[in-house]
N, C-alpha and C. Protein backbone atom coordinates (compact mmCIF):
# COMPACT_ATOMS: atom_id res chain seq x y z
N MET A 1 20.00 -23.51 5.60
CA MET A 1 19.60 -23.11 4.26
C MET A 1 19.81 -21.60 4.12
N ALA A 2 20.42 -21.21 3.04
CA ALA A 2 20.63 -19.79 2.78
C ALA A 2 19.33 -19.12 2.38
N THR A 3 19.19 -17.87 2.72
CA THR A 3 17.96 -17.15 2.41
C THR A 3 17.82 -16.85 0.92
N THR A 4 18.89 -17.04 0.15
CA THR A 4 18.81 -16.78 -1.28
C THR A 4 18.30 -17.98 -2.06
N GLN A 5 18.13 -19.12 -1.42
CA GLN A 5 17.62 -20.30 -2.11
C GLN A 5 16.14 -20.12 -2.41
N SER A 6 15.72 -20.63 -3.56
CA SER A 6 14.33 -20.51 -3.95
C SER A 6 13.50 -21.62 -3.32
N ASN A 7 12.22 -21.36 -3.18
CA ASN A 7 11.32 -22.38 -2.66
C ASN A 7 10.94 -23.32 -3.81
N PRO A 8 10.31 -24.45 -3.51
CA PRO A 8 9.97 -25.43 -4.56
C PRO A 8 9.10 -24.84 -5.68
N GLN A 9 8.16 -23.97 -5.33
CA GLN A 9 7.31 -23.38 -6.36
C GLN A 9 8.12 -22.49 -7.31
N GLU A 10 9.06 -21.74 -6.75
CA GLU A 10 9.89 -20.89 -7.61
C GLU A 10 10.79 -21.74 -8.50
N ARG A 11 11.33 -22.81 -7.97
CA ARG A 11 12.18 -23.69 -8.79
C ARG A 11 11.39 -24.25 -9.97
N THR A 12 10.15 -24.64 -9.71
CA THR A 12 9.30 -25.16 -10.78
C THR A 12 9.04 -24.07 -11.82
N ALA A 13 8.76 -22.86 -11.36
CA ALA A 13 8.53 -21.75 -12.30
C ALA A 13 9.76 -21.49 -13.14
N ARG A 14 10.94 -21.56 -12.54
CA ARG A 14 12.18 -21.34 -13.29
C ARG A 14 12.35 -22.37 -14.39
N GLU A 15 11.89 -23.60 -14.15
CA GLU A 15 11.99 -24.64 -15.17
C GLU A 15 11.07 -24.35 -16.35
N LEU A 16 9.96 -23.70 -16.10
CA LEU A 16 8.98 -23.40 -17.15
C LEU A 16 9.31 -22.15 -17.96
N LEU A 17 9.95 -21.20 -17.32
CA LEU A 17 10.13 -19.88 -17.91
C LEU A 17 11.57 -19.64 -18.34
N THR A 18 11.76 -18.71 -19.26
CA THR A 18 13.08 -18.38 -19.78
C THR A 18 13.88 -17.53 -18.80
N GLN A 19 13.23 -16.56 -18.19
CA GLN A 19 13.91 -15.62 -17.31
C GLN A 19 14.52 -16.36 -16.12
N GLY A 20 15.78 -16.09 -15.82
CA GLY A 20 16.48 -16.78 -14.74
C GLY A 20 15.82 -16.64 -13.38
N ARG A 21 15.37 -15.45 -13.05
CA ARG A 21 14.66 -15.20 -11.80
C ARG A 21 13.36 -14.49 -12.12
N PRO A 22 12.31 -15.28 -12.37
CA PRO A 22 11.03 -14.63 -12.68
C PRO A 22 10.52 -13.84 -11.49
N LEU A 23 9.72 -12.82 -11.77
CA LEU A 23 9.16 -11.96 -10.74
C LEU A 23 8.03 -12.68 -10.02
N PHE A 24 8.12 -12.77 -8.71
CA PHE A 24 7.05 -13.35 -7.90
C PHE A 24 5.91 -12.35 -7.85
N LEU A 25 4.75 -12.75 -8.35
CA LEU A 25 3.58 -11.88 -8.34
C LEU A 25 2.79 -11.99 -7.06
N GLY A 26 2.62 -13.21 -6.57
CA GLY A 26 1.84 -13.42 -5.37
C GLY A 26 1.27 -14.83 -5.33
N VAL A 27 0.45 -15.05 -4.32
CA VAL A 27 -0.21 -16.34 -4.13
C VAL A 27 -1.71 -16.10 -4.22
N ASP A 28 -2.37 -16.86 -5.09
CA ASP A 28 -3.80 -16.67 -5.25
C ASP A 28 -4.58 -17.33 -4.12
N GLY A 29 -5.88 -17.15 -4.12
CA GLY A 29 -6.74 -17.66 -3.05
C GLY A 29 -6.77 -19.17 -2.93
N GLU A 30 -6.29 -19.88 -3.95
CA GLU A 30 -6.23 -21.34 -3.91
C GLU A 30 -4.84 -21.85 -3.56
N GLY A 31 -3.93 -20.92 -3.25
CA GLY A 31 -2.58 -21.31 -2.82
C GLY A 31 -1.56 -21.47 -3.93
N ALA A 32 -1.94 -21.17 -5.17
CA ALA A 32 -1.00 -21.28 -6.29
C ALA A 32 -0.16 -20.01 -6.38
N ALA A 33 1.14 -20.19 -6.57
CA ALA A 33 2.05 -19.06 -6.72
C ALA A 33 2.11 -18.67 -8.20
N HIS A 34 2.14 -17.36 -8.46
CA HIS A 34 2.21 -16.83 -9.82
C HIS A 34 3.55 -16.13 -9.99
N TYR A 35 4.24 -16.43 -11.10
CA TYR A 35 5.53 -15.83 -11.42
C TYR A 35 5.48 -15.27 -12.83
N TRP A 36 6.05 -14.08 -13.02
CA TRP A 36 6.01 -13.38 -14.30
C TRP A 36 7.35 -13.44 -15.00
N ASP A 37 7.33 -13.74 -16.28
CA ASP A 37 8.52 -13.72 -17.12
C ASP A 37 8.32 -12.64 -18.18
N SER A 38 9.04 -11.54 -18.05
CA SER A 38 8.86 -10.43 -18.98
C SER A 38 9.47 -10.72 -20.35
N TYR A 39 10.40 -11.68 -20.44
CA TYR A 39 10.97 -12.04 -21.73
C TYR A 39 9.92 -12.74 -22.60
N GLU A 40 9.22 -13.68 -21.99
CA GLU A 40 8.22 -14.45 -22.72
C GLU A 40 6.83 -13.84 -22.67
N PHE A 41 6.63 -12.85 -21.82
CA PHE A 41 5.32 -12.27 -21.57
C PHE A 41 4.38 -13.39 -21.17
N ALA A 42 4.82 -14.14 -20.14
CA ALA A 42 4.10 -15.33 -19.68
C ALA A 42 4.10 -15.39 -18.16
N VAL A 43 3.09 -16.09 -17.65
CA VAL A 43 2.96 -16.32 -16.21
C VAL A 43 3.06 -17.81 -15.96
N ALA A 44 3.83 -18.19 -14.96
CA ALA A 44 3.84 -19.58 -14.49
C ALA A 44 2.97 -19.62 -13.24
N VAL A 45 2.03 -20.54 -13.24
CA VAL A 45 1.14 -20.74 -12.10
C VAL A 45 1.49 -22.10 -11.52
N VAL A 46 1.96 -22.11 -10.26
CA VAL A 46 2.45 -23.34 -9.64
C VAL A 46 1.64 -23.60 -8.37
N THR A 47 0.97 -24.76 -8.33
CA THR A 47 0.16 -25.11 -7.17
C THR A 47 1.04 -25.60 -6.03
N VAL A 48 0.44 -25.72 -4.87
CA VAL A 48 1.16 -26.22 -3.70
C VAL A 48 1.62 -27.66 -3.96
N ASP A 49 0.85 -28.43 -4.72
CA ASP A 49 1.19 -29.83 -5.03
C ASP A 49 2.29 -29.95 -6.07
N GLY A 50 2.68 -28.81 -6.66
CA GLY A 50 3.76 -28.84 -7.65
C GLY A 50 3.28 -28.89 -9.08
N ASP A 51 1.96 -28.96 -9.30
CA ASP A 51 1.45 -28.90 -10.66
C ASP A 51 1.70 -27.49 -11.18
N ALA A 52 2.08 -27.40 -12.45
CA ALA A 52 2.44 -26.09 -12.98
C ALA A 52 1.92 -25.92 -14.40
N GLU A 53 1.67 -24.66 -14.72
CA GLU A 53 1.19 -24.31 -16.04
C GLU A 53 1.83 -22.99 -16.43
N LYS A 54 2.30 -22.93 -17.68
CA LYS A 54 2.79 -21.67 -18.22
C LYS A 54 1.69 -21.08 -19.10
N VAL A 55 1.33 -19.83 -18.81
CA VAL A 55 0.28 -19.16 -19.57
C VAL A 55 0.90 -17.98 -20.30
N GLU A 56 0.96 -18.06 -21.62
CA GLU A 56 1.46 -16.95 -22.42
C GLU A 56 0.29 -15.99 -22.63
N LEU A 57 0.47 -14.74 -22.28
CA LEU A 57 -0.63 -13.78 -22.37
C LEU A 57 -1.16 -13.65 -23.78
N ALA A 58 -0.34 -13.88 -24.79
CA ALA A 58 -0.80 -13.81 -26.18
C ALA A 58 -1.87 -14.87 -26.47
N ALA A 59 -1.91 -15.93 -25.69
CA ALA A 59 -2.88 -17.01 -25.88
C ALA A 59 -4.14 -16.80 -25.03
N THR A 60 -4.25 -15.63 -24.41
CA THR A 60 -5.40 -15.32 -23.56
C THR A 60 -6.06 -14.05 -24.07
N PRO A 61 -7.22 -13.71 -23.54
CA PRO A 61 -7.83 -12.43 -23.92
C PRO A 61 -7.19 -11.23 -23.22
N PHE A 62 -6.15 -11.44 -22.43
CA PHE A 62 -5.53 -10.36 -21.65
C PHE A 62 -4.31 -9.82 -22.38
N GLU A 63 -4.23 -8.51 -22.47
CA GLU A 63 -3.12 -7.87 -23.16
C GLU A 63 -2.00 -7.44 -22.22
N THR A 64 -2.31 -7.30 -20.93
CA THR A 64 -1.30 -6.81 -19.99
C THR A 64 -1.25 -7.70 -18.74
N LEU A 65 -0.16 -7.57 -18.03
CA LEU A 65 -0.02 -8.29 -16.78
C LEU A 65 -1.07 -7.82 -15.78
N SER A 66 -1.36 -6.55 -15.79
CA SER A 66 -2.38 -6.00 -14.90
C SER A 66 -3.73 -6.67 -15.14
N GLU A 67 -4.09 -6.87 -16.41
CA GLU A 67 -5.35 -7.55 -16.72
C GLU A 67 -5.34 -8.99 -16.20
N TRP A 68 -4.18 -9.67 -16.31
CA TRP A 68 -4.06 -11.03 -15.78
C TRP A 68 -4.31 -11.02 -14.27
N CYS A 69 -3.70 -10.08 -13.59
CA CYS A 69 -3.85 -9.99 -12.14
C CYS A 69 -5.29 -9.70 -11.74
N GLU A 70 -5.98 -8.86 -12.50
CA GLU A 70 -7.39 -8.58 -12.21
C GLU A 70 -8.25 -9.80 -12.47
N TYR A 71 -7.95 -10.54 -13.52
CA TYR A 71 -8.66 -11.79 -13.81
C TYR A 71 -8.47 -12.78 -12.66
N THR A 72 -7.24 -12.91 -12.20
CA THR A 72 -6.96 -13.82 -11.09
C THR A 72 -7.72 -13.38 -9.84
N ARG A 73 -7.75 -12.09 -9.59
CA ARG A 73 -8.49 -11.56 -8.44
C ARG A 73 -9.97 -11.94 -8.53
N SER A 74 -10.54 -11.82 -9.71
CA SER A 74 -11.98 -12.11 -9.87
C SER A 74 -12.28 -13.61 -9.80
N GLU A 75 -11.35 -14.45 -10.26
CA GLU A 75 -11.58 -15.89 -10.29
C GLU A 75 -11.20 -16.60 -8.99
N ARG A 76 -10.06 -16.23 -8.42
CA ARG A 76 -9.51 -16.94 -7.26
C ARG A 76 -9.24 -16.06 -6.06
N GLY A 77 -9.14 -14.76 -6.30
CA GLY A 77 -8.72 -13.86 -5.25
C GLY A 77 -7.21 -13.96 -5.07
N TRP A 78 -6.67 -13.05 -4.28
CA TRP A 78 -5.24 -13.06 -3.97
C TRP A 78 -5.08 -13.20 -2.47
N GLU A 79 -4.31 -14.19 -2.05
CA GLU A 79 -3.96 -14.34 -0.64
C GLU A 79 -2.81 -13.39 -0.30
N THR A 80 -1.83 -13.32 -1.22
CA THR A 80 -0.68 -12.44 -1.09
C THR A 80 -0.46 -11.79 -2.45
N GLY A 81 -0.37 -10.49 -2.48
CA GLY A 81 -0.11 -9.82 -3.75
C GLY A 81 -1.39 -9.32 -4.39
N PRO A 82 -1.35 -9.01 -5.62
CA PRO A 82 -0.20 -9.16 -6.52
C PRO A 82 0.83 -8.05 -6.32
N ASN A 83 2.08 -8.41 -6.49
CA ASN A 83 3.19 -7.47 -6.36
C ASN A 83 3.59 -7.04 -7.76
N VAL A 84 2.88 -6.07 -8.31
CA VAL A 84 3.10 -5.67 -9.69
C VAL A 84 3.09 -4.17 -9.82
N GLY A 85 4.11 -3.65 -10.49
CA GLY A 85 4.14 -2.25 -10.86
C GLY A 85 3.76 -1.30 -9.76
N GLY A 86 3.26 -0.15 -10.17
CA GLY A 86 2.82 0.85 -9.21
C GLY A 86 3.98 1.46 -8.46
N SER A 87 3.66 2.00 -7.30
CA SER A 87 4.68 2.64 -6.48
C SER A 87 4.39 2.34 -5.02
N LEU A 88 5.33 2.66 -4.18
CA LEU A 88 5.15 2.48 -2.75
C LEU A 88 3.95 3.29 -2.26
N VAL A 89 3.81 4.50 -2.76
CA VAL A 89 2.69 5.35 -2.37
C VAL A 89 1.37 4.71 -2.80
N GLY A 90 1.33 4.20 -4.04
CA GLY A 90 0.12 3.54 -4.53
C GLY A 90 -0.23 2.31 -3.71
N ASP A 91 0.79 1.54 -3.34
CA ASP A 91 0.57 0.36 -2.50
C ASP A 91 0.00 0.76 -1.14
N LEU A 92 0.52 1.83 -0.55
CA LEU A 92 0.02 2.30 0.75
C LEU A 92 -1.43 2.77 0.65
N VAL A 93 -1.75 3.49 -0.41
CA VAL A 93 -3.13 3.96 -0.60
C VAL A 93 -4.08 2.77 -0.72
N ARG A 94 -3.71 1.78 -1.52
CA ARG A 94 -4.55 0.58 -1.67
C ARG A 94 -4.71 -0.15 -0.36
N ALA A 95 -3.66 -0.23 0.44
CA ALA A 95 -3.73 -0.92 1.72
C ALA A 95 -4.66 -0.19 2.68
N VAL A 96 -4.64 1.13 2.66
CA VAL A 96 -5.52 1.91 3.54
C VAL A 96 -6.97 1.80 3.10
N GLU A 97 -7.20 1.76 1.79
CA GLU A 97 -8.56 1.67 1.27
C GLU A 97 -9.18 0.29 1.50
N ALA A 98 -8.36 -0.72 1.61
CA ALA A 98 -8.88 -2.11 1.72
C ALA A 98 -9.50 -2.39 3.08
């Protein structure tokens, strides 16, 4: 298998979202992968079982992707990620503080 092939969760997210390669945000504490589509301003949440949901931020109380990530942190936690914005320096500072 080539390393450029997507995993099953990413393939499911691609089916839900417009963007050809949505941005992988991370895996929440329940094992669901989150993918961001900047064209639609939407997140695809795909569980390990393959259940998926597209959440358009306009349909939520959250105005930014950062707010979505903080909501996810408070509700489920993050196992991996979120990999959003910021800088390498900011990521290092957060890692040291954690």
